[in-house]
Amino acid sequence: MSNLNSTTQEGENLIYDAVKDLTKDELERRVRENAAAKNFHLTSEHLGVIQELIEHYKRDCKAQDCFAAHEQMQFLEDAYASKGGSKYLYMLFDAVPDAGGVLMPIHELAGLPALRLETDEGFGTAF
C-alpha cells in the first residue's frame, strides 16, 4: 500500500468518497473476504474497530479529507481509551500479515485507499 501524497488531486476527498455509500453489510463482506485472503483470523473486536473508523469517516470527513494518519489514529485512541487506547489497537491489528501499525491493516481489510503520512520512516512509526 502506498502513500497518496502525489496522486491526490485538488478537491478530491478520497476517504469520504470511498465510504460514503458503503453499507455495514458490504463493509463486513469486504473485510471478511480480505481477511480470509490474508489468512487472518477476524474477530468481532476487529470488525467493531473497523466499523467505528468507517462511521467516523462518513460523519467527519465529508467537509474535508481525513488524509493525515496521525489524526485518524488519535480518533481511534480516544474512542478505545477505556480498553487501553493504542496498546489495545496495536494488539489487535499488528497480527495482520504484511501490514504494519493499525490504520494500514484496517484500510487493507476494508479495501480503502491509503492515508497519506501513514508511516514516518525517520521515527520508525507506522500508524
C-alpha atoms as a PDB file:
ATOM      1  CA  MET A   1       0.000   0.000   0.000  1.00  0.00           C
ATOM      2  CA  SER A   2       1.462   3.346  -0.953  1.00  0.00           C
ATOM      3  CA  ASN A   3       1.057   6.868   0.311  1.00  0.00           C
ATOM      4  CA  LEU A   4      -1.066   9.153  -1.843  1.00  0.00           C
ATOM      5  CA  ASN A   5       0.901  12.376  -1.477  1.00  0.00           C
ATOM      6  CA  SER A   6       1.399  12.895  -5.187  1.00  0.00           C
ATOM      7  CA  THR A   7      -1.743  11.262  -6.575  1.00  0.00           C
ATOM      8  CA  THR A   8      -4.428  13.261  -4.814  1.00  0.00           C
ATOM      9  CA  GLN A   9      -5.933  15.981  -6.964  1.00  0.00           C
ATOM     10  CA  GLU A  10      -7.140  19.291  -5.545  1.00  0.00           C
ATOM     11  CA  GLY A  11     -10.738  18.933  -4.387  1.00  0.00           C
ATOM     12  CA  GLU A  12     -10.643  15.149  -4.082  1.00  0.00           C
ATOM     13  CA  ASN A  13     -11.912  13.623  -0.874  1.00  0.00           C
ATOM     14  CA  LEU A  14     -10.615  10.076  -1.240  1.00  0.00           C
ATOM     15  CA  ILE A  15     -11.571   8.661   2.144  1.00  0.00           C
ATOM     16  CA  TYR A  16     -15.096  10.066   2.210  1.00  0.00           C
ATOM     17  CA  ASP A  17     -15.694   9.110  -1.428  1.00  0.00           C
ATOM     18  CA  ALA A  18     -14.593   5.541  -0.645  1.00  0.00           C
ATOM     19  CA  VAL A  19     -17.003   5.124   2.288  1.00  0.00           C
ATOM     20  CA  LYS A  20     -19.975   7.410   1.673  1.00  0.00           C
ATOM     21  CA  ASP A  21     -22.149   4.684   0.096  1.00  0.00           C
ATOM     22  CA  LEU A  22     -20.590   1.723   1.896  1.00  0.00           C
ATOM     23  CA  THR A  23     -23.211  -0.229   3.845  1.00  0.00           C
ATOM     24  CA  LYS A  24     -22.416  -2.106   7.020  1.00  0.00           C
ATOM     25  CA  ASP A  25     -23.143  -5.416   5.263  1.00  0.00           C
ATOM     26  CA  GLU A  26     -20.897  -4.570   2.298  1.00  0.00           C
ATOM     27  CA  LEU A  27     -18.120  -3.474   4.645  1.00  0.00           C
ATOM     28  CA  GLU A  28     -18.341  -6.685   6.639  1.00  0.00           C
ATOM     29  CA  ARG A  29     -18.353  -8.806   3.463  1.00  0.00           C
ATOM     30  CA  ARG A  30     -15.318  -6.942   2.117  1.00  0.00           C
ATOM     31  CA  VAL A  31     -13.407  -7.199   5.405  1.00  0.00           C
ATOM     32  CA  ARG A  32     -14.160 -10.912   5.766  1.00  0.00           C
ATOM     33  CA  GLU A  33     -13.028 -11.644   2.190  1.00  0.00           C
ATOM     34  CA  ASN A  34      -9.801  -9.680   2.605  1.00  0.00           C
ATOM     35  CA  ALA A  35      -9.079 -11.269   5.979  1.00  0.00           C
ATOM     36  CA  ALA A  36      -9.588 -14.739   4.510  1.00  0.00           C
ATOM     37  CA  ALA A  37      -7.250 -13.905   1.625  1.00  0.00           C
ATOM     38  CA  LYS A  38      -4.568 -12.943   4.177  1.00  0.00           C
ATOM     39  CA  ASN A  39      -5.281 -15.992   6.386  1.00  0.00           C
ATOM     40  CA  PHE A  40      -6.088 -13.567   9.183  1.00  0.00           C
ATOM     41  CA  HIS A  41      -8.438 -14.652  11.973  1.00  0.00           C
ATOM     42  CA  LEU A  42     -11.001 -11.853  12.132  1.00  0.00           C
ATOM     43  CA  THR A  43     -12.940 -11.313  15.364  1.00  0.00           C
ATOM     44  CA  SER A  44     -15.908  -9.176  16.332  1.00  0.00           C
ATOM     45  CA  GLU A  45     -13.427  -6.844  18.043  1.00  0.00           C
ATOM     46  CA  HIS A  46     -11.647  -6.216  14.746  1.00  0.00           C
ATOM     47  CA  LEU A  47     -14.944  -5.602  12.967  1.00  0.00           C
ATOM     48  CA  GLY A  48     -16.084  -3.225  15.704  1.00  0.00           C
ATOM     49  CA  VAL A  49     -12.963  -1.073  15.385  1.00  0.00           C
ATOM     50  CA  ILE A  50     -13.182  -1.052  11.589  1.00  0.00           C
ATOM     51  CA  GLN A  51     -16.867  -0.112  11.667  1.00  0.00           C
ATOM     52  CA  GLU A  52     -16.153   2.667  14.186  1.00  0.00           C
ATOM     53  CA  LEU A  53     -13.475   4.153  11.935  1.00  0.00           C
ATOM     54  CA  ILE A  54     -15.697   3.933   8.834  1.00  0.00           C
ATOM     55  CA  GLU A  55     -18.544   5.693  10.663  1.00  0.00           C
ATOM     56  CA  HIS A  56     -16.071   8.396  11.696  1.00  0.00           C
ATOM     57  CA  TYR A  57     -15.022   8.809   8.061  1.00  0.00           C
ATOM     58  CA  LYS A  58     -18.664   9.069   6.948  1.00  0.00           C
ATOM     59  CA  ARG A  59     -19.541  11.542   9.689  1.00  0.00           C
ATOM     60  CA  ASP A  60     -16.447  13.709   9.986  1.00  0.00           C
ATOM     61  CA  CYS A  61     -14.665  13.551   6.648  1.00  0.00           C
ATOM     62  CA  LYS A  62     -17.307  14.921   4.295  1.00  0.00           C
ATOM     63  CA  ALA A  63     -16.245  18.567   4.528  1.00  0.00           C
ATOM     64  CA  GLN A  64     -12.514  17.855   4.481  1.00  0.00           C
ATOM     65  CA  ASP A  65     -10.447  14.854   3.539  1.00  0.00           C
ATOM     66  CA  CYS A  66      -9.193  12.911   6.534  1.00  0.00           C
ATOM     67  CA  PHE A  67      -5.824  12.235   4.955  1.00  0.00           C
ATOM     68  CA  ALA A  68      -3.474  12.584   7.926  1.00  0.00           C
ATOM     69  CA  ALA A  69      -2.951   9.205   9.548  1.00  0.00           C
ATOM     70  CA  HIS A  70      -1.981  10.611  12.949  1.00  0.00           C
ATOM     71  CA  GLU A  71      -5.355  12.393  13.254  1.00  0.00           C
ATOM     72  CA  GLN A  72      -7.275   9.201  12.478  1.00  0.00           C
ATOM     73  CA  MET A  73      -5.120   7.261  14.914  1.00  0.00           C
ATOM     74  CA  GLN A  74      -5.863   9.868  17.587  1.00  0.00           C
ATOM     75  CA  PHE A  75      -9.588   9.385  16.925  1.00  0.00           C
ATOM     76  CA  LEU A  76      -9.272   5.621  17.451  1.00  0.00           C
ATOM     77  CA  GLU A  77      -7.077   6.007  20.536  1.00  0.00           C
ATOM     78  CA  ASP A  78      -9.691   8.288  22.092  1.00  0.00           C
ATOM     79  CA  ALA A  79     -12.567   6.006  21.081  1.00  0.00           C
ATOM     80  CA  TYR A  80     -10.833   2.975  22.642  1.00  0.00           C
ATOM     81  CA  ALA A  81      -9.176   4.681  25.608  1.00  0.00           C
ATOM     82  CA  SER A  82     -11.198   2.596  28.063  1.00  0.00           C
ATOM     83  CA  LYS A  83      -9.715  -0.591  26.555  1.00  0.00           C
ATOM     84  CA  GLY A  84      -6.144   0.678  26.534  1.00  0.00           C
ATOM     85  CA  GLY A  85      -6.089   3.018  23.540  1.00  0.00           C
ATOM     86  CA  SER A  86      -3.164   2.482  21.177  1.00  0.00           C
ATOM     87  CA  LYS A  87      -1.896  -0.567  23.063  1.00  0.00           C
ATOM     88  CA  TYR A  88      -5.232  -2.332  22.545  1.00  0.00           C
ATOM     89  CA  LEU A  89      -5.412  -1.277  18.878  1.00  0.00           C
ATOM     90  CA  TYR A  90      -1.857  -2.396  18.075  1.00  0.00           C
ATOM     91  CA  MET A  91      -2.506  -5.704  19.852  1.00  0.00           C
ATOM     92  CA  LEU A  92      -5.495  -6.292  17.550  1.00  0.00           C
ATOM     93  CA  PHE A  93      -4.051  -5.230  14.235  1.00  0.00           C
ATOM     94  CA  ASP A  94      -0.314  -5.946  14.413  1.00  0.00           C
ATOM     95  CA  ALA A  95      -1.156  -9.560  13.601  1.00  0.00           C
ATOM     96  CA  VAL A  96      -2.406  -8.746  10.076  1.00  0.00           C
ATOM     97  CA  PRO A  97       0.162 -10.238   7.665  1.00  0.00           C
ATOM     98  CA  ASP A  98       2.220  -7.819   5.551  1.00  0.00           C
ATOM     99  CA  ALA A  99       0.779  -4.704   7.202  1.00  0.00           C
ATOM    100  CA  GLY A 100       2.160  -2.532   9.938  1.00  0.00           C
ATOM    101  CA  GLY A 101       0.505  -0.418  12.559  1.00  0.00           C
ATOM    102  CA  VAL A 102      -3.243  -0.055  12.977  1.00  0.00           C
ATOM    103  CA  LEU A 103      -4.592   2.087  10.146  1.00  0.00           C
ATOM    104  CA  MET A 104      -2.756   0.350   7.298  1.00  0.00           C
ATOM    105  CA  PRO A 105      -4.243  -3.075   8.096  1.00  0.00           C
ATOM    106  CA  ILE A 106      -7.695  -1.562   8.645  1.00  0.00           C
ATOM    107  CA  HIS A 107      -7.541   0.141   5.260  1.00  0.00           C
ATOM    108  CA  GLU A 108      -6.281  -3.037   3.599  1.00  0.00           C
ATOM    109  CA  LEU A 109      -9.000  -5.168   5.175  1.00  0.00           C
ATOM    110  CA  ALA A 110     -11.705  -2.626   4.298  1.00  0.00           C
ATOM    111  CA  GLY A 111     -10.353  -2.059   0.788  1.00  0.00           C
ATOM    112  CA  LEU A 112      -9.841   1.679   1.347  1.00  0.00           C
ATOM    113  CA  PRO A 113      -7.231   3.959  -0.194  1.00  0.00           C
ATOM    114  CA  ALA A 114      -4.075   4.503   1.828  1.00  0.00           C
ATOM    115  CA  LEU A 115      -3.804   7.511   4.086  1.00  0.00           C
ATOM    116  CA  ARG A 116      -1.054   9.988   3.479  1.00  0.00           C
ATOM    117  CA  LEU A 117       1.616  10.184   6.129  1.00  0.00           C
ATOM    118  CA  GLU A 118       0.766   6.711   7.409  1.00  0.00           C
ATOM    119  CA  THR A 119       4.426   5.977   8.058  1.00  0.00           C
ATOM    120  CA  ASP A 120       7.258   8.075   9.370  1.00  0.00           C
ATOM    121  CA  GLU A 121      10.363   6.159   8.450  1.00  0.00           C
ATOM    122  CA  GLY A 122      12.542   8.650  10.301  1.00  0.00           C
ATOM    123  CA  PHE A 123      10.941   7.590  13.563  1.00  0.00           C
ATOM    124  CA  GLY A 124      10.107   4.050  12.510  1.00  0.00           C
ATOM    125  CA  THR A 125       6.429   4.731  13.102  1.00  0.00           C
ATOM    126  CA  ALA A 126       3.543   3.118  11.253  1.00  0.00           C
ATOM    127  CA  PHE A 127       0.006   4.140  12.022  1.00  0.00           C
END
